[in-house]
C-alpha cells in the first residue's frame, strides 16, 4: 500500500512544516505563520490531487517534491552544523 500524502519519498506534511520553519528563520511570527501554513498546505494539497488525477504530470511533480525536500534537508543540515560548530 502506498503511503498517503507522500510523493517521491517525501511526506507532504513534513514539507509544509519545513517551509513554515523556513519562514520562521526570516522572523515571521504569530498569525502570519498560521496564514502561511494554511496557504502552503492548500497549495501542496492541490498539487497532491493533481498528482493523482494527471499521471502525465507525475514525473514533474516528483522532481519538484524531490528538489524541495532536498533543499529543506540541506538547509536544516547547514543550520545544525553551524549551531554545533559555533563557539560562544
N, C-alpha and C. Protein backbone atom coordinates (compact mmCIF):
# COMPACT_ATOMS: atom_id res chain seq x y z
N UNK A 1 0.83 -1.18 0.00
CA UNK A 1 0.00 0.00 0.00
C UNK A 1 0.88 1.25 0.00
N UNK A 2 0.54 2.20 -0.83
CA UNK A 2 1.30 3.44 -0.94
C UNK A 2 0.99 4.34 0.24
N UNK A 3 2.03 5.01 0.74
CA UNK A 3 1.83 5.94 1.85
C UNK A 3 0.97 7.12 1.41
N UNK A 4 0.07 7.51 2.27
CA UNK A 4 -0.83 8.62 1.96
C UNK A 4 -0.05 9.93 2.05
N UNK A 5 -0.27 10.81 1.10
CA UNK A 5 0.33 12.15 1.07
C UNK A 5 1.84 12.10 0.96
N UNK A 6 2.37 11.11 0.28
CA UNK A 6 3.81 11.02 0.07
C UNK A 6 4.08 10.97 -1.42
N UNK A 7 4.99 11.80 -1.86
CA UNK A 7 5.39 11.83 -3.26
C UNK A 7 6.92 11.86 -3.28
N UNK A 8 7.50 11.03 -4.11
CA UNK A 8 8.96 10.97 -4.28
C UNK A 8 9.67 10.73 -2.95
N UNK A 9 9.05 10.00 -2.06
CA UNK A 9 9.67 9.68 -0.78
C UNK A 9 9.59 10.77 0.26
N UNK A 10 8.91 11.86 -0.05
CA UNK A 10 8.80 12.97 0.89
C UNK A 10 7.34 13.14 1.32
N UNK A 11 7.13 13.26 2.61
CA UNK A 11 5.79 13.48 3.14
C UNK A 11 5.38 14.93 2.89
N UNK A 12 4.19 15.10 2.36
CA UNK A 12 3.69 16.44 2.10
C UNK A 12 3.61 17.26 3.39
N UNK A 13 3.18 16.62 4.47
CA UNK A 13 3.07 17.34 5.74
C UNK A 13 4.43 17.80 6.25
N UNK A 14 5.45 16.99 6.08
CA UNK A 14 6.79 17.39 6.51
C UNK A 14 7.35 18.52 5.66
N UNK A 15 7.04 18.52 4.38
CA UNK A 15 7.49 19.60 3.52
C UNK A 15 6.81 20.90 3.91
N UNK A 16 5.51 20.85 4.18
CA UNK A 16 4.80 22.05 4.62
C UNK A 16 5.40 22.56 5.93
N UNK A 17 5.65 21.66 6.87
CA UNK A 17 6.25 22.06 8.15
C UNK A 17 7.64 22.66 7.93
N UNK A 18 8.41 22.08 7.02
CA UNK A 18 9.73 22.61 6.72
C UNK A 18 9.68 24.00 6.11
N UNK A 19 8.73 24.25 5.25
CA UNK A 19 8.59 25.58 4.64
C UNK A 19 8.18 26.60 5.69
N UNK A 20 7.28 26.23 6.60
CA UNK A 20 6.88 27.13 7.68
C UNK A 20 8.08 27.44 8.58
N UNK A 21 8.90 26.42 8.87
CA UNK A 21 10.12 26.65 9.67
C UNK A 21 11.07 27.59 8.94
N UNK A 22 11.13 27.49 7.62
CA UNK A 22 11.96 28.38 6.84
C UNK A 22 11.49 29.84 7.01
N UNK A 23 10.20 30.05 7.00
CA UNK A 23 9.67 31.40 7.21
C UNK A 23 10.01 31.92 8.61
N UNK A 24 10.07 31.03 9.59
CA UNK A 24 10.44 31.45 10.95
C UNK A 24 11.85 32.02 10.98
N UNK A 25 12.72 31.48 10.14
CA UNK A 25 14.10 31.98 10.09
C UNK A 25 14.17 33.40 9.56
N UNK A 26 13.13 33.84 8.87
CA UNK A 26 13.04 35.20 8.37
C UNK A 26 12.22 36.09 9.31
N UNK A 27 12.12 35.66 10.57
CA UNK A 27 11.45 36.41 11.65
C UNK A 27 9.96 36.63 11.41
N UNK A 28 9.32 35.73 10.70
CA UNK A 28 7.87 35.77 10.56
C UNK A 28 7.31 35.05 11.79
N UNK A 29 6.30 35.64 12.42
CA UNK A 29 5.77 35.02 13.63
C UNK A 29 4.27 35.30 13.76
N UNK A 30 3.70 34.73 14.79
CA UNK A 30 2.30 34.98 15.13
C UNK A 30 1.32 34.45 14.10
N UNK A 31 0.30 35.25 13.86
CA UNK A 31 -0.77 34.84 12.96
C UNK A 31 -0.30 34.69 11.51
N UNK A 32 0.80 35.37 11.16
CA UNK A 32 1.31 35.23 9.81
C UNK A 32 1.75 33.80 9.54
N UNK A 33 2.29 33.13 10.55
CA UNK A 33 2.68 31.73 10.36
C UNK A 33 1.47 30.84 10.13
N UNK A 34 0.37 31.16 10.77
CA UNK A 34 -0.87 30.40 10.55
C UNK A 34 -1.34 30.59 9.11
N UNK A 35 -1.31 31.83 8.64
CA UNK A 35 -1.73 32.12 7.27
C UNK A 35 -0.81 31.42 6.26
N UNK A 36 0.49 31.51 6.50
CA UNK A 36 1.46 30.89 5.61
C UNK A 36 1.27 29.37 5.57
N UNK A 37 1.10 28.76 6.75
CA UNK A 37 0.92 27.30 6.77
C UNK A 37 -0.36 26.90 6.07
N UNK A 38 -1.40 27.70 6.20
CA UNK A 38 -2.66 27.40 5.51
C UNK A 38 -2.49 27.49 3.99
N UNK A 39 -1.83 28.56 3.53
CA UNK A 39 -1.62 28.73 2.10
C UNK A 39 -0.71 27.65 1.52
N UNK A 40 0.39 27.37 2.19
CA UNK A 40 1.32 26.36 1.71
C UNK A 40 0.66 24.98 1.73
N UNK A 41 -0.08 24.68 2.80
CA UNK A 41 -0.79 23.41 2.90
C UNK A 41 -1.82 23.25 1.79
N UNK A 42 -2.53 24.34 1.49
CA UNK A 42 -3.53 24.30 0.42
C UNK A 42 -2.86 24.06 -0.93
N UNK A 43 -1.78 24.77 -1.18
CA UNK A 43 -1.07 24.61 -2.45
C UNK A 43 -0.57 23.18 -2.62
N UNK A 44 0.05 22.63 -1.57
CA UNK A 44 0.57 21.27 -1.68
C UNK A 44 -0.56 20.24 -1.71
N UNK A 45 -1.68 20.53 -1.09
CA UNK A 45 -2.84 19.65 -1.20
C UNK A 45 -3.37 19.59 -2.61
N UNK A 46 -3.43 20.75 -3.27
CA UNK A 46 -3.88 20.80 -4.66
C UNK A 46 -2.88 20.07 -5.56
N UNK A 47 -1.60 20.29 -5.33
CA UNK A 47 -0.57 19.60 -6.12
C UNK A 47 -0.69 18.09 -5.94
N UNK A 48 -0.94 17.65 -4.72
CA UNK A 48 -1.10 16.21 -4.47
C UNK A 48 -2.29 15.65 -5.25
N UNK A 49 -3.39 16.38 -5.27
CA UNK A 49 -4.56 15.92 -6.02
C UNK A 49 -4.28 15.90 -7.52
N UNK A 50 -3.53 16.90 -8.01
CA UNK A 50 -3.14 16.89 -9.42
C UNK A 50 -2.25 15.69 -9.73
N UNK A 51 -1.40 15.33 -8.78
CA UNK A 51 -0.53 14.16 -8.92
C UNK A 51 -1.35 12.90 -9.13
N UNK A 52 -2.45 12.80 -8.40
CA UNK A 52 -3.32 11.62 -8.52
C UNK A 52 -4.13 11.66 -9.82
N UNK A 53 -4.64 12.83 -10.17
CA UNK A 53 -5.55 12.94 -11.31
C UNK A 53 -4.85 12.90 -12.67
N UNK A 54 -3.62 13.38 -12.75
CA UNK A 54 -2.93 13.50 -14.03
C UNK A 54 -1.61 12.73 -14.03
N UNK A 55 -1.67 11.46 -14.40
CA UNK A 55 -0.45 10.65 -14.41
C UNK A 55 0.67 11.23 -15.29
N UNK A 56 0.31 11.97 -16.32
CA UNK A 56 1.33 12.55 -17.20
C UNK A 56 2.18 13.59 -16.47
N UNK A 57 1.63 14.21 -15.44
CA UNK A 57 2.35 15.25 -14.69
C UNK A 57 3.11 14.69 -13.50
N UNK A 58 2.96 13.41 -13.23
CA UNK A 58 3.55 12.84 -12.02
C UNK A 58 5.07 12.98 -11.98
N UNK A 59 5.74 12.79 -13.08
CA UNK A 59 7.20 12.88 -13.09
C UNK A 59 7.66 14.29 -12.71
N UNK A 60 6.99 15.31 -13.24
CA UNK A 60 7.38 16.69 -12.93
C UNK A 60 7.09 17.04 -11.48
N UNK A 61 5.98 16.56 -10.98
CA UNK A 61 5.64 16.82 -9.58
C UNK A 61 6.63 16.12 -8.66
N UNK A 62 7.04 14.91 -9.01
CA UNK A 62 8.04 14.20 -8.22
C UNK A 62 9.38 14.95 -8.22
N UNK A 63 9.77 15.50 -9.36
CA UNK A 63 11.00 16.28 -9.43
C UNK A 63 10.90 17.50 -8.51
N UNK A 64 9.76 18.18 -8.53
CA UNK A 64 9.57 19.33 -7.66
C UNK A 64 9.63 18.97 -6.19
N UNK A 65 8.94 17.92 -5.82
CA UNK A 65 8.94 17.46 -4.42
C UNK A 65 10.35 17.07 -3.99
N UNK A 66 11.05 16.35 -4.86
CA UNK A 66 12.41 15.93 -4.52
C UNK A 66 13.32 17.13 -4.31
N UNK A 67 13.21 18.11 -5.19
CA UNK A 67 14.04 19.31 -5.08
C UNK A 67 13.75 20.09 -3.81
N UNK A 68 12.47 20.27 -3.51
CA UNK A 68 12.09 21.00 -2.30
C UNK A 68 12.53 20.23 -1.06
N UNK A 69 12.30 18.94 -1.06
CA UNK A 69 12.70 18.11 0.09
C UNK A 69 14.20 18.13 0.32
N UNK A 70 14.97 18.01 -0.74
CA UNK A 70 16.43 18.03 -0.60
C UNK A 70 16.92 19.42 -0.18
N UNK A 71 16.31 20.46 -0.72
CA UNK A 71 16.70 21.82 -0.34
C UNK A 71 16.42 22.10 1.13
N UNK A 72 15.25 21.70 1.60
CA UNK A 72 14.92 21.88 3.02
C UNK A 72 15.83 21.05 3.90
N UNK A 73 16.13 19.84 3.47
CA UNK A 73 17.04 18.99 4.23
C UNK A 73 18.43 19.58 4.31
N UNK A 74 18.92 20.11 3.19
CA UNK A 74 20.26 20.69 3.17
C UNK A 74 20.33 21.94 4.03
N UNK A 75 19.30 22.78 3.99
CA UNK A 75 19.32 23.98 4.83
C UNK A 75 19.23 23.62 6.30
N UNK A 76 18.48 22.58 6.63
CA UNK A 76 18.41 22.12 8.01
C UNK A 76 19.73 21.56 8.48
N UNK A 77 20.40 20.80 7.62
CA UNK A 77 21.71 20.24 7.95
C UNK A 77 22.73 21.36 8.15
N UNK A 78 22.65 22.38 7.30
CA UNK A 78 23.55 23.53 7.43
C UNK A 78 23.33 24.22 8.77
N UNK A 79 22.07 24.42 9.15
CA UNK A 79 21.76 25.08 10.43
C UNK A 79 22.28 24.27 11.61
N UNK A 80 22.08 22.97 11.57
CA UNK A 80 22.54 22.11 12.67
C UNK A 80 24.06 22.14 12.75
N UNK A 81 24.75 22.04 11.61
CA UNK A 81 26.21 22.05 11.60
C UNK A 81 26.74 23.39 12.11
N UNK A 82 26.12 24.47 11.68
CA UNK A 82 26.53 25.80 12.13
C UNK A 82 26.36 25.95 13.63
N UNK A 83 25.24 25.45 14.15
CA UNK A 83 24.98 25.53 15.58
C UNK A 83 25.99 24.70 16.38
N UNK A 84 26.36 23.54 15.86
CA UNK A 84 27.27 22.65 16.58
C UNK A 84 28.71 23.15 16.54
N UNK A 85 29.08 23.87 15.50
CA UNK A 85 30.46 24.31 15.37
C UNK A 85 30.70 25.74 15.84
N UNK A 86 29.65 26.46 16.17
CA UNK A 86 29.84 27.85 16.61
C UNK A 86 30.41 27.87 18.03
N UNK A 87 31.30 28.81 18.26
CA UNK A 87 31.87 28.98 19.60
C UNK A 87 31.35 30.29 20.18
N UNK A 88 31.03 30.24 21.44
CA UNK A 88 30.48 31.44 22.08
C UNK A 88 31.47 31.99 23.07
